[in-house]
């Protein structure tokens, strides 16, 4: 019943590695593609979430997907309404992440999950990092940016990510002691990183 939390510097292949891990372990992948459906189930305006995310953290709108339908508590999340600001958004994320962790067998990518789950006994927390130039190249390849734009986006989104995480006031998101393992994807291939994470998860379950 383990839950795997993957935090990552912007452009360090966190989603790719998380997808590999989820597929191999047959865990639910809880990523940025899921928030719109959860928001609908919670009767929250997706537009309001988009507005919050533009100032709070990543500009990507979505976070959760089909798992939302299996989380009935989301429909009645206390303290969350259509009047949705960054504080309520963070509360919503905390409660959702804790419920997912309680079910287990999930890979959660980003959104403050290492901070929310720092005291969870079944959570394995990983931090993926990479050299600046490699993160820029990753964005150029993935989104077709030129080098200048990729560099600007990498810097801007990493700054937003850290600001968003620090606002949880649950510790320093860059503290190495928060994580079971920090993986440098400039030196470790995506498949190798997934192998390491799956190996630790398997050892924890046994």
Protein backbone atom coordinates (compact mmCIF):
# COMPACT_ATOMS: atom_id res chain seq x y z
CA UNK A 1 0.00 0.00 0.00
CA UNK A 2 2.88 2.36 -0.65
CA UNK A 3 2.47 5.83 -2.10
CA UNK A 4 5.30 7.34 -4.13
CA UNK A 5 5.78 11.09 -4.22
CA UNK A 6 7.96 12.56 -6.96
CA UNK A 7 8.99 16.18 -6.72
CA UNK A 8 11.03 17.60 -9.57
CA UNK A 9 12.80 20.63 -10.87
CA UNK A 10 10.98 21.97 -13.90
CA UNK A 11 12.23 20.10 -16.97
CA UNK A 12 13.97 17.24 -15.11
CA UNK A 13 11.78 14.46 -16.55
CA UNK A 14 9.61 13.98 -13.47
CA UNK A 15 6.49 13.11 -15.43
CA UNK A 16 8.27 10.63 -17.71
CA UNK A 17 9.88 8.83 -14.78
CA UNK A 18 6.65 8.87 -12.79
CA UNK A 19 4.74 7.34 -15.68
CA UNK A 20 7.29 4.52 -15.98
CA UNK A 21 7.09 3.83 -12.26
CA UNK A 22 3.29 3.80 -12.24
CA UNK A 23 3.10 1.47 -15.21
CA UNK A 24 5.65 -0.94 -13.81
CA UNK A 25 4.14 -1.10 -10.32
CA UNK A 26 0.57 -0.89 -11.66
CA UNK A 27 -0.09 2.12 -9.49
CA UNK A 28 -2.42 5.00 -10.22
CA UNK A 29 -0.58 7.96 -11.74
CA UNK A 30 -1.69 11.17 -10.06
CA UNK A 31 -0.37 14.00 -12.17
CA UNK A 32 -1.30 17.39 -13.57
CA UNK A 33 -3.81 15.87 -15.98
CA UNK A 34 -6.29 15.21 -13.19
CA UNK A 35 -7.35 18.46 -11.55
CA UNK A 36 -10.12 19.45 -13.94
CA UNK A 37 -12.24 16.38 -13.19
CA UNK A 38 -11.64 16.62 -9.44
CA UNK A 39 -12.61 20.27 -9.61
CA UNK A 40 -15.86 19.35 -11.32
CA UNK A 41 -16.62 16.72 -8.69
CA UNK A 42 -15.88 19.25 -5.94
CA UNK A 43 -18.10 21.85 -7.62
CA UNK A 44 -15.12 24.16 -8.07
CA UNK A 45 -14.76 26.46 -11.04
CA UNK A 46 -11.98 25.21 -13.32
CA UNK A 47 -11.52 28.79 -14.46
CA UNK A 48 -10.86 29.90 -10.90
CA UNK A 49 -8.25 27.15 -10.50
CA UNK A 50 -6.56 28.35 -13.67
CA UNK A 51 -6.43 31.88 -12.30
CA UNK A 52 -4.96 30.65 -9.01
CA UNK A 53 -2.34 28.53 -10.75
CA UNK A 54 -1.14 31.44 -12.85
CA UNK A 55 -0.01 33.19 -9.70
CA UNK A 56 0.53 30.30 -7.29
CA UNK A 57 2.64 27.81 -9.19
CA UNK A 58 2.73 25.89 -12.44
CA UNK A 59 0.67 27.27 -15.32
CA UNK A 60 -0.65 23.83 -16.18
CA UNK A 61 -4.38 23.70 -15.41
CA UNK A 62 -4.95 20.01 -14.69
CA UNK A 63 -3.82 17.82 -11.81
CA UNK A 64 -6.04 14.75 -11.30
CA UNK A 65 -8.06 12.46 -13.67
CA UNK A 66 -10.21 9.34 -13.45
CA UNK A 67 -9.20 8.66 -9.84
CA UNK A 68 -11.37 11.61 -8.90
CA UNK A 69 -14.46 9.52 -9.51
CA UNK A 70 -13.25 7.05 -6.87
CA UNK A 71 -12.77 9.76 -4.25
CA UNK A 72 -16.25 10.59 -2.94
CA UNK A 73 -14.85 12.93 -0.25
CA UNK A 74 -13.82 15.34 -3.00
CA UNK A 75 -17.45 16.10 -3.72
CA UNK A 76 -17.91 17.36 -0.19
CA UNK A 77 -14.52 18.85 0.66
CA UNK A 78 -15.05 21.10 3.67
CA UNK A 79 -13.67 24.60 3.37
CA UNK A 80 -13.65 24.48 -0.41
CA UNK A 81 -16.18 26.27 -2.58
CA UNK A 82 -16.51 28.10 -5.86
CA UNK A 83 -15.02 31.11 -4.08
CA UNK A 84 -11.58 29.66 -4.69
CA UNK A 85 -8.34 31.36 -3.74
CA UNK A 86 -4.79 30.09 -3.30
CA UNK A 87 -5.33 29.21 0.38
CA UNK A 88 -8.34 27.05 -0.41
CA UNK A 89 -6.52 25.54 -3.36
CA UNK A 90 -3.68 24.45 -1.08
CA UNK A 91 -6.16 23.06 1.47
CA UNK A 92 -7.89 21.17 -1.31
CA UNK A 93 -4.59 19.68 -2.48
CA UNK A 94 -3.59 18.62 1.05
CA UNK A 95 -6.85 16.82 1.69
CA UNK A 96 -6.89 15.18 -1.71
CA UNK A 97 -3.29 13.99 -1.46
CA UNK A 98 -3.86 12.57 2.03
CA UNK A 99 -6.91 10.65 0.82
CA UNK A 100 -4.98 9.25 -2.13
CA UNK A 101 -2.14 8.22 0.18
CA UNK A 102 -4.62 6.48 2.48
CA UNK A 103 -5.73 4.33 -0.44
CA UNK A 104 -2.12 3.59 -1.41
CA UNK A 105 -0.73 2.19 -4.66
CA UNK A 106 -0.31 5.62 -6.24
CA UNK A 107 2.43 7.74 -7.79
CA UNK A 108 1.87 11.43 -7.07
CA UNK A 109 3.85 13.92 -9.13
CA UNK A 110 4.49 17.31 -7.59
CA UNK A 111 1.88 19.65 -6.11
CA UNK A 112 3.50 19.70 -2.69
CA UNK A 113 3.03 15.99 -2.09
CA UNK A 114 6.46 15.48 -0.41
CA UNK A 115 5.59 18.18 2.12
CA UNK A 116 2.07 16.91 2.69
CA UNK A 117 3.33 13.33 3.10
CA UNK A 118 6.54 14.03 4.99
CA UNK A 119 5.26 12.16 8.07
CA UNK A 120 3.27 9.49 6.24
CA UNK A 121 4.66 6.04 7.16
CA UNK A 122 3.99 4.47 3.76
CA UNK A 123 5.19 7.36 1.59
CA UNK A 124 8.42 7.20 -0.40
CA UNK A 125 9.57 10.66 -1.42
CA UNK A 126 11.89 11.36 -4.34
CA UNK A 127 13.32 14.57 -5.77
CA UNK A 128 14.45 14.69 -9.40
CA UNK A 129 16.98 17.37 -10.34
CA UNK A 130 19.06 18.15 -13.41
CA UNK A 131 21.59 20.64 -14.71
CA UNK A 132 20.12 23.90 -15.96
CA UNK A 133 21.30 23.25 -19.50
CA UNK A 134 19.74 19.80 -19.53
CA UNK A 135 16.42 21.13 -18.28
CA UNK A 136 16.49 23.74 -21.03
CA UNK A 137 17.21 21.07 -23.65
CA UNK A 138 14.36 18.97 -22.29
CA UNK A 139 11.91 21.85 -22.74
CA UNK A 140 13.22 22.55 -26.24
CA UNK A 141 12.62 18.92 -27.20
CA UNK A 142 9.24 18.55 -25.50
CA UNK A 143 7.65 21.85 -26.46
CA UNK A 144 9.62 22.95 -29.52
CA UNK A 145 10.93 26.09 -27.81
CA UNK A 146 14.03 27.84 -29.02
CA UNK A 147 16.88 27.98 -26.52
CA UNK A 148 16.12 31.49 -25.30
CA UNK A 149 12.46 30.79 -24.63
CA UNK A 150 13.22 27.43 -23.01
CA UNK A 151 15.72 29.10 -20.69
CA UNK A 152 13.18 31.79 -19.74
CA UNK A 153 10.42 29.25 -19.13
CA UNK A 154 12.69 26.95 -17.10
CA UNK A 155 13.74 29.79 -14.81
CA UNK A 156 10.25 31.27 -14.45
CA UNK A 157 8.44 27.99 -13.78
CA UNK A 158 11.05 26.72 -11.34
CA UNK A 159 10.75 29.98 -9.39
CA UNK A 160 6.96 29.66 -9.34
CA UNK A 161 7.19 26.03 -8.27
CA UNK A 162 9.39 26.85 -5.30
CA UNK A 163 7.25 29.81 -4.26
CA UNK A 164 4.15 27.63 -4.36
CA UNK A 165 5.78 24.89 -2.27
CA UNK A 166 7.23 27.26 0.31
CA UNK A 167 3.76 28.70 0.87
CA UNK A 168 2.71 25.34 2.33
CA UNK A 169 4.84 26.35 5.35
CA UNK A 170 5.65 22.68 5.96
CA UNK A 171 9.39 22.80 5.47
CA UNK A 172 11.97 23.58 2.84
CA UNK A 173 11.11 21.76 -0.44
CA UNK A 174 14.82 21.67 -1.30
CA UNK A 175 15.88 20.12 2.01
CA UNK A 176 17.60 16.81 1.12
CA UNK A 177 16.45 15.29 4.43
CA UNK A 178 12.85 15.52 3.22
CA UNK A 179 13.49 12.84 0.60
CA UNK A 180 14.36 9.18 0.63
CA UNK A 181 16.45 9.81 -2.45
CA UNK A 182 17.49 12.64 -4.77
CA UNK A 183 18.14 11.57 -8.38
CA UNK A 184 20.12 13.66 -10.85
CA UNK A 185 18.57 12.95 -14.25
CA UNK A 186 21.51 14.63 -15.94
CA UNK A 187 23.53 11.61 -14.81
CA UNK A 188 20.84 8.93 -14.49
CA UNK A 189 18.64 7.94 -17.43
CA UNK A 190 14.86 7.98 -17.02
CA UNK A 191 14.62 4.18 -17.09
CA UNK A 192 17.41 3.87 -14.54
CA UNK A 193 15.67 6.36 -12.27
CA UNK A 194 12.43 4.38 -12.57
CA UNK A 195 14.34 1.17 -11.77
CA UNK A 196 15.72 2.70 -8.58
CA UNK A 197 12.35 4.01 -7.43
CA UNK A 198 10.59 0.72 -8.18
CA UNK A 199 13.33 -1.20 -6.38
CA UNK A 200 12.84 0.83 -3.22
CA UNK A 201 9.07 0.50 -3.48
CA UNK A 202 9.33 -3.28 -3.86
CA UNK A 203 11.67 -3.49 -0.88
CA UNK A 204 9.27 -1.45 1.24
CA UNK A 205 6.30 -3.68 0.37
CA UNK A 206 8.13 -6.94 1.13
